[in-house]
Amino acid sequence: MENNKDSVTDYIEPIFRFCLKRLKCREDAEDLAQEILGHILYGLSRYEIQNLEGWIWQIAHNRYAKFIDAKAKSESYENLAEFVDYDYLDRLIVKEEHQNVFQALHSLSAMYRNIMVDYYLLELSLKTIAQRYNLPLTTVKWRLHVGREQIKERMDKMPRIYNRINWNTTTCNGSMDANRYLYSQLARAICLAAYEKPLTCEEISLITGIPTLYIEDELPRLIYGDALIQKGDSYLTDFIILKLADQKALFAMFSPYIAKLVEKIAPFLADNKETVKNIGFYGCDFGMEKLGYIMVPLIIRQAVSHIQNAHEKLQYGPFVPRKDGGYGWFIVKETEDEKESLEPFASGNNSYMDPSDPKRGQFVYLWLGKYFDNELYRQGIGNMFSQGLLQQTENGILNKEIISDDDLARLIRLNLVKKEKGYRLAIPIFTKEQFEELINLFSPLVNELEALLTDLVFLLWKEFTGFVPKHLYGQINQYLAGYVHTIIGLVVFKMISDGFLSTPPKEGPLSYNVFYLKTPLGYNI
């Protein structure tokens, strides 16, 4: 600290010349120089300064800008001290035209920005700058020229309003946590800017108004996460963004099919109530109004799968490997507000299984967006799976000796276990043979639904090609494969309102859409 204070004396004369050159008045220059030095000494007593020279000249320019501001506010600025705020070290308090210059400056790439800062703010000589960056003197002069021209062009073009980007990035094809890379507004702004075509760092800065130095810091992480691909000195977003306007157009396509599907599925469930009961799996007597939460998604998923397998145009192949060990593409949807939650009618299938140990079986959670419960999936199903609880049950009765009171209470609260003649499971259990018998039972209905849903799938596919950038066409089929299952949520909610399915429980999560396979299928259904 003392060494820094001693070094400040070397800047007394340069600071005075700096002030005199700009103010053209010796008295004003002396006042300003004294103020700058006082500000420097005050800062040295409070902060650990890493780059003394750069810090001193930043203060000099800050104080000069404030001095000019104060002079503009009052013809008599004898009481200039009232405008001095010694808590500002990093922020430039300048007029609007100064803000425009600095904003444009920060839109330049590092190769131009650093040289401009060194020359105009730190007042380093061209020779010193050339030595600092190991560049020919002619290159430094050229970059100064280009930098000046770019700043002139950009001063009136830089956006000043930043809009929050609301995305739902909680889901992903394959295995990947999209939020790991896309949680920040900075990352989202970069990806949104480079969505339609490749952009350089400077072009992204011009579109977003974000300084290039922040963009440059974020780019490596986005590239590693496969959110961006690099093409030379340009960057291009590598995932589909489903915007609100596109979602509305897609959603409207489902409406004509909902009632038709309910008209076919509801009678089928009623007519096959006894047949399902005769299969004999644990839970076969739960009633079709509850088992329908499992059967309706399975029926529609089977029909959609058959359609995709029958048409090469709709097939998507395996999920692509990623740099960080995951696989698949991000699933990103624009939302109305900041809350990132699943859409009410979204539908999906999460499974717990251990391929290395088939005896542990397979849990299946055919979730609906409105009723998805992470605790049910992670702490409920996950806990039952990891402890192998269902392997030690008999006729659905849970062995209380192998589970703690806390875990048991949690399973009851999550509607996975009910207190009835001891502690009984509240979810169906299938052997592989029983499950295959159930699937075969509704095969004729699946074939009927294929004819009905084929038109819908192709209409959705065509709509996607209308708003997805061409470089992302290869991702449409994987995105569509999940999005088309929105029809499941719409049909289930219609069947609930029509009284074909039980109303979800008022307390605890919906667990009617969870079941267990004693022998795992080895894949998501």
Protein backbone atom coordinates (compact mmCIF):
# COMPACT_ATOMS: atom_id res chain seq x y z
CA MET A 1 0.00 0.00 0.00
CA GLU A 2 2.77 2.45 0.91
CA ASN A 3 4.62 1.58 -2.29
CA ASN A 4 1.49 2.48 -4.25
CA LYS A 5 1.21 5.81 -2.47
CA ASP A 6 4.84 6.56 -3.25
CA SER A 7 4.25 5.65 -6.89
CA VAL A 8 1.35 8.11 -7.14
CA THR A 9 3.83 11.02 -6.95
CA ASP A 10 5.10 9.96 -10.37
CA TYR A 11 1.65 10.79 -11.79
CA ILE A 12 1.25 14.30 -10.34
CA GLU A 13 2.74 16.08 -13.33
CA PRO A 14 1.11 13.81 -16.00
CA ILE A 15 -2.29 14.26 -14.34
CA PHE A 16 -1.91 18.05 -14.31
CA ARG A 17 -0.95 18.03 -18.02
CA PHE A 18 -3.96 15.79 -18.68
CA CYS A 19 -6.25 18.36 -17.04
CA LEU A 20 -4.64 21.43 -18.59
CA LYS A 21 -4.79 19.96 -22.09
CA ARG A 22 -8.55 19.48 -21.80
CA LEU A 23 -9.66 22.50 -19.77
CA LYS A 24 -7.36 25.15 -21.32
CA CYS A 25 -7.42 26.97 -17.97
CA ARG A 26 -4.62 26.61 -15.45
CA GLU A 27 -6.81 27.37 -12.43
CA ASP A 28 -9.44 24.80 -13.45
CA ALA A 29 -6.71 22.29 -14.27
CA GLU A 30 -5.16 22.68 -10.82
CA ASP A 31 -8.55 22.20 -9.14
CA LEU A 32 -9.36 19.11 -11.16
CA ALA A 33 -5.88 17.60 -10.73
CA GLN A 34 -6.14 18.11 -6.96
CA GLU A 35 -9.56 16.44 -6.96
CA ILE A 36 -8.24 13.47 -8.99
CA LEU A 37 -5.26 12.99 -6.68
CA GLY A 38 -7.48 13.20 -3.61
CA HIS A 39 -9.77 10.57 -5.09
CA ILE A 40 -6.78 8.32 -5.87
CA LEU A 41 -5.36 8.59 -2.34
CA TYR A 42 -8.79 7.91 -0.86
CA GLY A 43 -9.16 4.78 -2.99
CA LEU A 44 -5.67 3.52 -2.09
CA SER A 45 -6.63 3.57 1.58
CA ARG A 46 -9.61 1.28 0.95
CA TYR A 47 -8.88 -1.02 -1.98
CA GLU A 48 -6.25 -3.46 -3.16
CA ILE A 49 -5.21 -2.15 -6.58
CA GLN A 50 -3.86 -4.71 -9.05
CA ASN A 51 -3.16 -2.44 -12.04
CA LEU A 52 -2.20 0.94 -10.59
CA GLU A 53 -1.61 2.74 -13.90
CA GLY A 54 -4.85 1.62 -15.49
CA TRP A 55 -6.81 2.40 -12.32
CA ILE A 56 -5.32 5.92 -11.99
CA TRP A 57 -6.16 6.88 -15.55
CA GLN A 58 -9.66 5.47 -15.24
CA ILE A 59 -10.20 7.72 -12.23
CA ALA A 60 -8.76 10.68 -14.14
CA HIS A 61 -11.25 10.20 -16.96
CA ASN A 62 -14.12 9.59 -14.53
CA ARG A 63 -13.37 12.78 -12.58
CA TYR A 64 -12.94 14.79 -15.77
CA ALA A 65 -16.34 13.57 -17.06
CA LYS A 66 -17.98 14.49 -13.73
CA PHE A 67 -16.25 17.86 -13.77
CA ILE A 68 -17.73 18.64 -17.20
CA ASP A 69 -21.15 17.43 -16.08
CA ALA A 70 -21.03 19.68 -13.04
CA LYS A 71 -19.94 22.64 -15.14
CA ALA A 72 -22.86 22.10 -17.49
CA LYS A 73 -25.31 22.08 -14.60
CA SER A 74 -24.13 25.37 -13.18
CA GLU A 75 -22.39 28.35 -14.70
CA SER A 76 -20.69 28.84 -11.38
CA TYR A 77 -19.11 25.60 -10.23
CA GLU A 78 -17.18 26.83 -7.24
CA ASN A 79 -19.04 24.28 -5.10
CA LEU A 80 -17.98 21.37 -7.30
CA ALA A 81 -17.34 19.20 -4.22
CA GLU A 82 -21.06 18.58 -3.80
CA PHE A 83 -21.02 16.61 -7.04
CA VAL A 84 -18.11 14.39 -5.97
CA ASP A 85 -19.01 10.86 -4.89
CA TYR A 86 -15.98 8.91 -3.71
CA ASP A 87 -17.83 5.56 -3.71
CA TYR A 88 -17.74 5.28 -7.51
CA LEU A 89 -14.61 3.49 -8.73
CA ASP A 90 -15.71 1.46 -11.72
CA ARG A 91 -18.77 3.28 -13.06
CA LEU A 92 -18.50 5.98 -15.70
CA ILE A 93 -20.81 8.91 -14.86
CA VAL A 94 -20.92 10.69 -18.19
CA LYS A 95 -23.33 12.53 -20.44
CA GLU A 96 -25.52 10.63 -22.86
CA GLU A 97 -23.10 11.16 -25.74
CA HIS A 98 -20.28 9.70 -23.61
CA GLN A 99 -22.46 6.69 -22.76
CA ASN A 100 -23.07 6.11 -26.46
CA VAL A 101 -19.34 6.13 -27.15
CA PHE A 102 -18.54 3.70 -24.36
CA GLN A 103 -21.42 1.40 -25.32
CA ALA A 104 -20.21 1.34 -28.91
CA LEU A 105 -16.63 0.80 -27.71
CA HIS A 106 -17.67 -2.25 -25.72
CA SER A 107 -19.34 -3.71 -28.80
CA LEU A 108 -15.93 -4.04 -30.47
CA SER A 109 -14.04 -7.31 -30.35
CA ALA A 110 -11.06 -7.50 -28.00
CA MET A 111 -8.50 -6.98 -30.81
CA TYR A 112 -9.90 -3.49 -31.45
CA ARG A 113 -11.35 -2.61 -28.04
CA ASN A 114 -8.13 -3.11 -26.06
CA ILE A 115 -6.09 -0.93 -28.38
CA MET A 116 -8.74 1.83 -28.33
CA VAL A 117 -8.80 1.81 -24.52
CA ASP A 118 -5.01 1.87 -24.27
CA TYR A 119 -4.66 4.75 -26.72
CA TYR A 120 -7.58 7.01 -25.83
CA LEU A 121 -8.18 6.28 -22.15
CA LEU A 122 -4.74 5.30 -20.87
CA GLU A 123 -3.02 7.61 -23.40
CA LEU A 124 -0.32 5.07 -24.19
CA SER A 125 1.86 5.75 -27.21
CA LEU A 126 1.45 3.73 -30.40
CA LYS A 127 4.92 2.30 -29.88
CA THR A 128 4.06 1.17 -26.34
CA ILE A 129 0.83 -0.45 -27.52
CA ALA A 130 2.65 -2.26 -30.33
CA GLN A 131 5.15 -3.63 -27.83
CA ARG A 132 2.40 -4.63 -25.37
CA TYR A 133 0.57 -6.78 -27.92
CA ASN A 134 3.64 -7.77 -29.97
CA LEU A 135 2.15 -6.22 -33.11
CA PRO A 136 3.65 -4.20 -35.97
CA LEU A 137 3.12 -0.46 -35.61
CA THR A 138 1.16 -0.40 -38.87
CA THR A 139 -1.29 -2.99 -37.47
CA VAL A 140 -1.92 -0.88 -34.37
CA LYS A 141 -2.59 2.19 -36.53
CA TRP A 142 -4.94 0.21 -38.77
CA ARG A 143 -6.91 -1.19 -35.83
CA LEU A 144 -7.28 2.29 -34.36
CA HIS A 145 -8.64 3.51 -37.68
CA VAL A 146 -11.07 0.58 -38.01
CA GLY A 147 -12.12 0.92 -34.37
CA ARG A 148 -12.90 4.63 -34.80
CA GLU A 149 -14.98 3.96 -37.91
CA GLN A 150 -16.92 1.16 -36.24
CA ILE A 151 -17.70 3.30 -33.19
CA LYS A 152 -19.02 6.07 -35.44
CA GLU A 153 -21.28 3.61 -37.24
CA ARG A 154 -22.57 1.99 -34.09
CA MET A 155 -23.29 4.95 -31.83
CA ASP A 156 -26.80 5.44 -33.22
CA LYS A 157 -27.54 1.74 -33.71
CA MET A 158 -26.86 0.25 -30.29
CA PRO A 159 -30.05 -0.93 -28.53
CA ARG A 160 -30.65 0.46 -25.07
CA ILE A 161 -33.53 -1.68 -23.82
CA TYR A 162 -32.87 -5.22 -22.62
CA ASN A 163 -35.89 -7.52 -22.60
CA ARG A 164 -35.98 -10.52 -20.30
CA ILE A 165 -35.92 -13.81 -22.21
CA ASN A 166 -38.30 -16.31 -20.64
CA TRP A 167 -37.58 -19.91 -21.60
CA ASN A 168 -38.62 -23.29 -20.31
CA THR A 169 -35.41 -25.30 -20.52
CA THR A 170 -36.25 -27.97 -17.98
CA THR A 171 -36.50 -30.82 -20.49
CA CYS A 172 -34.12 -32.31 -23.00
CA ASN A 173 -34.08 -35.17 -25.45
CA GLY A 174 -31.71 -37.90 -24.29
CA SER A 175 -29.66 -37.05 -21.20
CA MET A 176 -28.80 -33.43 -20.50
CA ASP A 177 -29.69 -30.62 -18.13
CA ALA A 178 -30.27 -27.66 -20.44
CA ASN A 179 -30.39 -25.25 -17.48
CA ARG A 180 -26.74 -25.98 -16.86
CA TYR A 181 -25.93 -23.93 -19.95
CA LEU A 182 -28.98 -21.77 -20.62
CA TYR A 183 -30.00 -20.54 -17.17
CA SER A 184 -28.55 -17.01 -17.52
CA GLN A 185 -30.02 -14.12 -19.48
CA LEU A 186 -26.60 -13.59 -21.07
CA ALA A 187 -26.48 -17.13 -22.48
CA ARG A 188 -30.06 -16.89 -23.72
CA ALA A 189 -29.50 -13.52 -25.39
CA ILE A 190 -26.47 -14.85 -27.26
CA CYS A 191 -28.31 -17.98 -28.46
CA LEU A 192 -31.41 -16.03 -29.46
CA ALA A 193 -29.33 -13.56 -31.48
CA ALA A 194 -27.46 -16.32 -33.35
CA TYR A 195 -30.56 -18.48 -33.92
CA GLU A 196 -31.34 -17.67 -37.56
CA LYS A 197 -27.84 -17.30 -39.02
CA PRO A 198 -24.15 -17.35 -37.99
CA LEU A 199 -22.97 -14.17 -36.29
CA THR A 200 -19.60 -12.88 -35.15
CA CYS A 201 -19.07 -11.77 -31.58
CA GLU A 202 -19.36 -8.14 -32.68
CA GLU A 203 -22.59 -8.78 -34.57
CA ILE A 204 -24.08 -10.47 -31.49
CA SER A 205 -23.06 -7.42 -29.45
CA LEU A 206 -24.75 -5.07 -31.91
CA ILE A 207 -28.00 -7.05 -31.81
CA THR A 208 -28.11 -7.54 -28.05
CA GLY A 209 -26.39 -4.41 -26.78
CA ILE A 210 -24.16 -6.63 -24.61
CA PRO A 211 -20.45 -5.69 -24.50
CA THR A 212 -18.27 -8.11 -26.45
CA LEU A 213 -16.06 -8.87 -23.45
CA TYR A 214 -19.02 -10.52 -21.69
CA ILE A 215 -19.98 -12.41 -24.84
CA GLU A 216 -16.40 -13.58 -25.34
CA ASP A 217 -16.33 -14.99 -21.81
CA GLU A 218 -19.60 -16.90 -22.31
CA LEU A 219 -18.92 -18.39 -25.76
CA PRO A 220 -16.58 -21.26 -24.69
CA ARG A 221 -19.14 -22.60 -22.20
CA LEU A 222 -21.96 -22.51 -24.74
CA ILE A 223 -19.81 -24.25 -27.34
CA TYR A 224 -18.80 -26.95 -24.86
CA GLY A 225 -22.46 -27.48 -23.96
CA ASP A 226 -23.38 -27.81 -27.66
CA ALA A 227 -25.69 -24.83 -27.38
CA LEU A 228 -23.60 -23.10 -30.06
CA ILE A 229 -21.52 -24.34 -32.94
CA GLN A 230 -18.56 -22.31 -34.19
CA LYS A 231 -18.05 -21.66 -37.88
CA GLY A 232 -14.81 -19.75 -38.39
CA ASP A 233 -15.20 -16.53 -36.41
CA SER A 234 -19.01 -16.87 -36.35
CA TYR A 235 -21.39 -18.71 -34.02
CA LEU A 236 -24.72 -20.44 -34.65
CA THR A 237 -27.33 -21.73 -32.20
CA ASP A 238 -27.65 -25.52 -32.24
CA PHE A 239 -31.13 -26.14 -30.83
CA ILE A 240 -34.73 -25.34 -31.72
CA ILE A 241 -36.46 -22.49 -29.87
CA LEU A 242 -40.23 -22.96 -29.83
CA LYS A 243 -41.54 -19.40 -29.69
CA LEU A 244 -44.91 -18.41 -28.25
CA ALA A 245 -46.47 -17.55 -31.61
CA ASP A 246 -45.41 -20.92 -33.04
CA GLN A 247 -46.73 -22.74 -29.98
CA LYS A 248 -50.16 -21.17 -30.48
CA ALA A 249 -50.25 -22.27 -34.11
CA LEU A 250 -49.19 -25.82 -33.20
CA PHE A 251 -51.59 -26.06 -30.29
CA ALA A 252 -54.55 -25.12 -32.49
CA MET A 253 -53.88 -28.20 -34.63
CA PHE A 254 -54.69 -30.56 -31.76
CA SER A 255 -58.25 -29.34 -31.18
CA PRO A 256 -60.07 -31.28 -33.96
CA TYR A 257 -58.60 -34.58 -32.75
CA ILE A 258 -59.37 -34.49 -29.01
CA ALA A 259 -63.06 -35.38 -29.09
CA LYS A 260 -62.50 -38.03 -31.78
CA LEU A 261 -59.85 -39.76 -29.67
CA VAL A 262 -62.04 -39.67 -26.55
CA GLU A 263 -64.93 -41.15 -28.54
CA LYS A 264 -62.78 -44.16 -29.41
CA ILE A 265 -60.81 -44.61 -26.17
CA ALA A 266 -63.55 -44.15 -23.53
CA PRO A 267 -65.83 -46.98 -24.80
CA PHE A 268 -62.81 -49.25 -25.17
CA LEU A 269 -61.87 -48.82 -21.52
CA ALA A 270 -65.43 -49.45 -20.36
CA ASP A 271 -65.89 -52.53 -22.58
CA ASN A 272 -62.62 -54.13 -21.44
CA LYS A 273 -62.91 -53.55 -17.73
CA GLU A 274 -63.39 -57.22 -16.89
CA THR A 275 -60.81 -58.37 -19.44
CA VAL A 276 -58.18 -56.16 -17.81
CA LYS A 277 -59.20 -57.42 -14.39
CA ASN A 278 -58.72 -61.01 -15.55
CA ILE A 279 -55.10 -60.37 -16.51
CA GLY A 280 -54.47 -60.66 -12.79
CA PHE A 281 -51.71 -58.12 -12.19
CA TYR A 282 -51.57 -56.39 -8.80
CA GLY A 283 -53.88 -53.37 -9.10
CA CYS A 284 -56.10 -54.89 -11.80
CA ASP A 285 -59.05 -54.13 -9.50
CA PHE A 286 -58.20 -50.41 -9.12
CA GLY A 287 -60.87 -49.59 -11.70
CA MET A 288 -60.54 -48.25 -15.23
CA GLU A 289 -61.11 -44.71 -13.97
CA LYS A 290 -57.64 -44.95 -12.35
CA LEU A 291 -55.92 -47.47 -14.63
CA GLY A 292 -56.94 -45.23 -17.54
CA TYR A 293 -54.18 -42.81 -16.47
CA ILE A 294 -51.76 -45.54 -17.54
CA MET A 295 -53.66 -47.04 -20.44
CA VAL A 296 -54.54 -43.81 -22.30
CA PRO A 297 -50.89 -42.63 -22.55
CA LEU A 298 -49.73 -46.15 -23.49
CA ILE A 299 -52.34 -46.45 -26.25
CA ILE A 300 -51.57 -43.07 -27.81
CA ARG A 301 -47.80 -43.48 -27.43
CA GLN A 302 -48.01 -46.85 -29.19
CA ALA A 303 -50.00 -45.30 -32.06
CA VAL A 304 -47.55 -42.40 -32.48
CA SER A 305 -44.58 -44.77 -32.33
CA HIS A 306 -46.09 -46.94 -35.08
CA ILE A 307 -46.62 -43.86 -37.25
CA GLN A 308 -43.03 -42.71 -36.82
CA ASN A 309 -41.63 -46.17 -37.53
CA ALA A 310 -43.77 -46.56 -40.65
CA HIS A 311 -42.64 -43.29 -42.28
CA GLU A 312 -38.98 -42.75 -42.94
CA LYS A 313 -39.61 -39.00 -43.16
CA LEU A 314 -40.45 -38.95 -39.43
CA GLN A 315 -37.64 -41.14 -38.10
CA TYR A 316 -34.89 -39.52 -36.05
CA GLY A 317 -32.37 -42.23 -35.13
CA PRO A 318 -30.27 -42.27 -31.95
CA PHE A 319 -29.68 -39.23 -29.77
CA VAL A 320 -26.47 -37.42 -30.72
CA PRO A 321 -23.52 -37.62 -28.28
CA ARG A 322 -22.45 -34.40 -26.58
CA LYS A 323 -19.05 -33.01 -25.62
CA ASP A 324 -19.78 -33.21 -21.89
CA GLY A 325 -20.84 -36.87 -21.93
CA GLY A 326 -24.60 -36.46 -22.36
CA TYR A 327 -26.60 -36.93 -25.50
CA GLY A 328 -29.54 -35.37 -27.31
CA TRP A 329 -30.60 -31.82 -28.09
CA PHE A 330 -32.01 -29.13 -25.88
CA ILE A 331 -35.80 -28.71 -25.69
CA VAL A 332 -36.43 -24.98 -25.33
CA LYS A 333 -39.80 -23.22 -25.28
CA GLU A 334 -40.54 -19.55 -24.84
CA THR A 335 -42.83 -18.82 -21.88
CA GLU A 336 -45.05 -15.93 -20.89
CA ASP A 337 -43.21 -15.10 -17.66
CA GLU A 338 -40.08 -15.95 -15.69
CA LYS A 339 -41.54 -19.05 -14.07
CA GLU A 340 -40.04 -22.09 -15.72
CA SER A 341 -42.55 -24.88 -15.42
CA LEU A 342 -43.93 -27.62 -17.59
CA GLU A 343 -46.88 -26.80 -19.79
CA PRO A 344 -50.13 -28.13 -18.27
CA PHE A 345 -50.85 -30.45 -21.21
CA ALA A 346 -47.28 -31.68 -21.70
CA SER A 347 -46.82 -35.43 -21.41
CA GLY A 348 -43.75 -37.59 -20.97
CA ASN A 349 -42.33 -40.86 -19.75
CA ASN A 350 -39.60 -41.19 -17.12
CA SER A 351 -38.25 -44.58 -16.13
CA TYR A 352 -36.08 -45.94 -13.35
CA MET A 353 -34.17 -49.10 -14.23
CA ASP A 354 -30.76 -50.69 -13.73
CA PRO A 355 -29.65 -52.56 -16.88
CA SER A 356 -26.91 -54.29 -14.88
CA ASP A 357 -29.41 -55.76 -12.42
CA PRO A 358 -32.70 -56.86 -14.07
CA LYS A 359 -34.00 -58.14 -10.73
CA ARG A 360 -34.57 -54.59 -9.61
CA GLY A 361 -37.31 -54.16 -12.19
CA GLN A 362 -38.46 -50.94 -13.82
CA PHE A 363 -40.55 -48.03 -12.56
CA VAL A 364 -42.50 -46.05 -15.17
CA TYR A 365 -43.90 -42.56 -14.58
CA LEU A 366 -46.25 -41.42 -17.38
CA TRP A 367 -46.37 -37.83 -16.17
CA LEU A 368 -48.64 -34.97 -17.14
CA GLY A 369 -47.25 -31.43 -17.07
CA LYS A 370 -49.88 -29.99 -14.74
CA TYR A 371 -49.42 -32.79 -12.20
CA PHE A 372 -45.73 -33.55 -12.59
CA ASP A 373 -44.17 -33.85 -9.13
CA ASN A 374 -40.40 -33.92 -8.83
CA GLU A 375 -40.52 -35.23 -5.25
CA LEU A 376 -42.75 -38.09 -6.36
CA TYR A 377 -40.23 -38.98 -9.04
CA ARG A 378 -36.95 -38.39 -7.22
CA GLN A 379 -37.62 -39.09 -3.54
CA GLY A 380 -40.64 -41.34 -3.95
CA ILE A 381 -40.07 -43.63 -6.93
CA GLY A 382 -36.31 -43.18 -6.70
CA ASN A 383 -36.25 -44.22 -3.05
CA MET A 384 -38.42 -47.29 -3.66
CA PHE A 385 -36.17 -48.31 -6.54
CA SER A 386 -32.84 -47.77 -4.80
CA GLN A 387 -33.95 -49.72 -1.73
CA GLY A 388 -35.50 -52.53 -3.78
CA LEU A 389 -38.73 -52.28 -1.79
CA LEU A 390 -40.96 -53.83 -4.43
CA GLN A 391 -38.84 -56.94 -4.65
CA GLN A 392 -39.74 -57.68 -1.05
CA THR A 393 -43.49 -57.16 -1.23
CA GLU A 394 -46.08 -59.90 -1.34
CA ASN A 395 -49.47 -59.32 -2.94
CA GLY A 396 -48.76 -55.59 -2.82
CA ILE A 397 -48.26 -55.56 0.96
CA LEU A 398 -45.13 -53.66 1.96
CA ASN A 399 -42.82 -55.23 4.52
CA LYS A 400 -42.67 -52.52 7.19
CA GLU A 401 -39.55 -54.08 8.70
CA ILE A 402 -37.40 -53.09 5.70
CA ILE A 403 -38.34 -49.39 5.60
CA SER A 404 -37.86 -46.56 8.04
CA ASP A 405 -40.80 -44.69 9.51
CA ASP A 406 -39.73 -41.49 7.76
CA ASP A 407 -39.53 -43.18 4.35
CA LEU A 408 -42.87 -44.88 4.90
CA ALA A 409 -44.50 -41.58 5.86
CA ARG A 410 -43.08 -39.98 2.71
CA LEU A 411 -44.44 -42.75 0.46
CA ILE A 412 -47.87 -42.39 2.04
CA ARG A 413 -47.79 -38.62 1.59
CA LEU A 414 -46.79 -39.09 -2.06
CA ASN A 415 -49.74 -41.48 -2.63
CA LEU A 416 -47.44 -44.37 -3.53
CA VAL A 417 -48.46 -46.39 -0.45
CA LYS A 418 -51.83 -46.51 1.35
CA LYS A 419 -52.63 -47.76 4.82
CA GLU A 420 -55.06 -50.59 4.15
CA LYS A 421 -54.73 -54.01 5.85
CA GLY A 422 -51.23 -53.02 6.72
CA TYR A 423 -49.34 -50.93 4.18
CA ARG A 424 -50.27 -51.64 0.57
CA LEU A 425 -48.83 -50.26 -2.64
CA ALA A 426 -51.06 -47.77 -4.43
CA ILE A 427 -49.57 -48.47 -7.87
CA PRO A 428 -50.00 -51.45 -10.24
CA ILE A 429 -47.32 -54.15 -10.52
CA PHE A 430 -46.86 -56.18 -13.72
CA THR A 431 -44.87 -59.19 -14.69
CA LYS A 432 -43.48 -58.93 -18.19
CA GLU A 433 -46.09 -61.40 -19.44
CA GLN A 434 -48.96 -59.50 -17.82
CA PHE A 435 -47.81 -56.21 -19.30
CA GLU A 436 -47.47 -57.71 -22.77
CA GLU A 437 -50.97 -59.13 -22.45
CA LEU A 438 -52.28 -55.66 -21.63
CA ILE A 439 -50.44 -54.16 -24.63
CA ASN A 440 -51.84 -56.86 -26.94
CA LEU A 441 -55.34 -56.19 -25.61
CA PHE A 442 -55.46 -52.67 -26.98
CA SER A 443 -53.53 -53.37 -30.23
CA PRO A 444 -56.72 -53.17 -32.38
CA LEU A 445 -57.48 -49.74 -30.90
CA VAL A 446 -53.91 -48.61 -31.56
CA ASN A 447 -54.35 -49.51 -35.23
CA GLU A 448 -57.53 -47.42 -35.39
CA LEU A 449 -55.81 -44.45 -33.81
CA GLU A 450 -52.89 -44.66 -36.25
CA ALA A 451 -55.15 -43.72 -39.13
CA LEU A 452 -56.57 -40.82 -37.13
CA LEU A 453 -53.25 -39.49 -35.84
CA THR A 454 -51.14 -39.81 -39.01
CA ASP A 455 -52.61 -36.65 -40.47
CA LEU A 456 -51.98 -34.78 -37.22
CA VAL A 457 -48.34 -35.83 -37.04
CA PHE A 458 -47.65 -34.74 -40.62
CA LEU A 459 -49.46 -31.44 -40.11
CA LEU A 460 -47.30 -30.74 -37.07
CA TRP A 461 -44.16 -31.72 -38.99
CA LYS A 462 -45.02 -29.34 -41.83
CA GLU A 463 -45.68 -26.52 -39.36
CA PHE A 464 -42.25 -27.08 -37.75
CA THR A 465 -40.52 -26.74 -41.12
CA GLY A 466 -42.21 -23.37 -41.52
CA PHE A 467 -40.59 -21.71 -38.50
CA VAL A 468 -37.47 -23.75 -37.71
CA PRO A 469 -34.25 -22.44 -39.35
CA LYS A 470 -33.03 -24.78 -42.10
CA HIS A 471 -29.79 -25.60 -40.31
CA LEU A 472 -31.90 -27.19 -37.53
CA TYR A 473 -34.16 -29.31 -39.75
CA GLY A 474 -32.28 -32.42 -38.62
CA GLN A 475 -33.58 -31.88 -35.08
CA ILE A 476 -37.27 -31.53 -35.98
CA ASN A 477 -38.12 -35.24 -35.78
CA GLN A 478 -36.66 -35.65 -32.29
CA TYR A 479 -38.43 -32.50 -31.11
CA LEU A 480 -41.68 -33.55 -32.74
CA ALA A 481 -41.46 -37.04 -31.23
CA GLY A 482 -41.94 -35.55 -27.78
CA TYR A 483 -44.14 -32.59 -28.68
CA VAL A 484 -46.82 -34.68 -30.40
CA HIS A 485 -47.52 -36.34 -27.04
CA THR A 486 -49.20 -33.09 -25.99
CA ILE A 487 -52.31 -34.76 -27.39
CA ILE A 488 -52.11 -37.23 -24.49
CA GLY A 489 -52.51 -34.47 -21.91
CA LEU A 490 -55.38 -32.93 -23.85
CA VAL A 491 -57.21 -36.26 -24.11
CA VAL A 492 -56.65 -37.14 -20.43
CA PHE A 493 -57.95 -33.76 -19.25
CA LYS A 494 -60.99 -34.13 -21.50
CA MET A 495 -61.67 -37.59 -20.05
CA ILE A 496 -61.34 -36.21 -16.51
CA SER A 497 -63.83 -33.42 -17.21
CA ASP A 498 -66.21 -35.90 -18.86
CA GLY A 499 -66.03 -38.22 -15.85
CA PHE A 500 -64.27 -41.14 -17.59
CA LEU A 501 -61.20 -40.79 -15.36
CA SER A 502 -60.98 -40.10 -11.62
CA THR A 503 -60.38 -36.56 -10.47
CA PRO A 504 -56.77 -36.20 -9.26
CA PRO A 505 -56.46 -36.40 -5.45
CA LYS A 506 -56.84 -33.16 -3.51
CA GLU A 507 -53.97 -34.05 -1.17
CA GLY A 508 -50.61 -35.25 -2.41
CA PRO A 509 -49.48 -35.73 -6.01
CA LEU A 510 -51.20 -37.69 -8.76
CA SER A 511 -49.73 -41.24 -8.69
CA TYR A 512 -52.31 -43.08 -10.82
CA ASN A 513 -49.85 -42.78 -13.73
CA VAL A 514 -47.05 -44.73 -11.99
CA PHE A 515 -46.51 -48.49 -12.32
CA TYR A 516 -43.82 -51.11 -11.76
CA LEU A 517 -42.54 -53.88 -14.02
CA LYS A 518 -40.94 -56.81 -12.20
CA THR A 519 -38.83 -57.55 -15.26
CA PRO A 520 -37.55 -54.38 -16.99
CA LEU A 521 -38.14 -53.90 -20.69
CA GLY A 522 -34.78 -52.16 -20.96
CA TYR A 523 -36.19 -49.07 -22.68
CA ASN A 524 -38.62 -46.21 -22.13
CA ILE A 525 -42.12 -47.13 -23.22
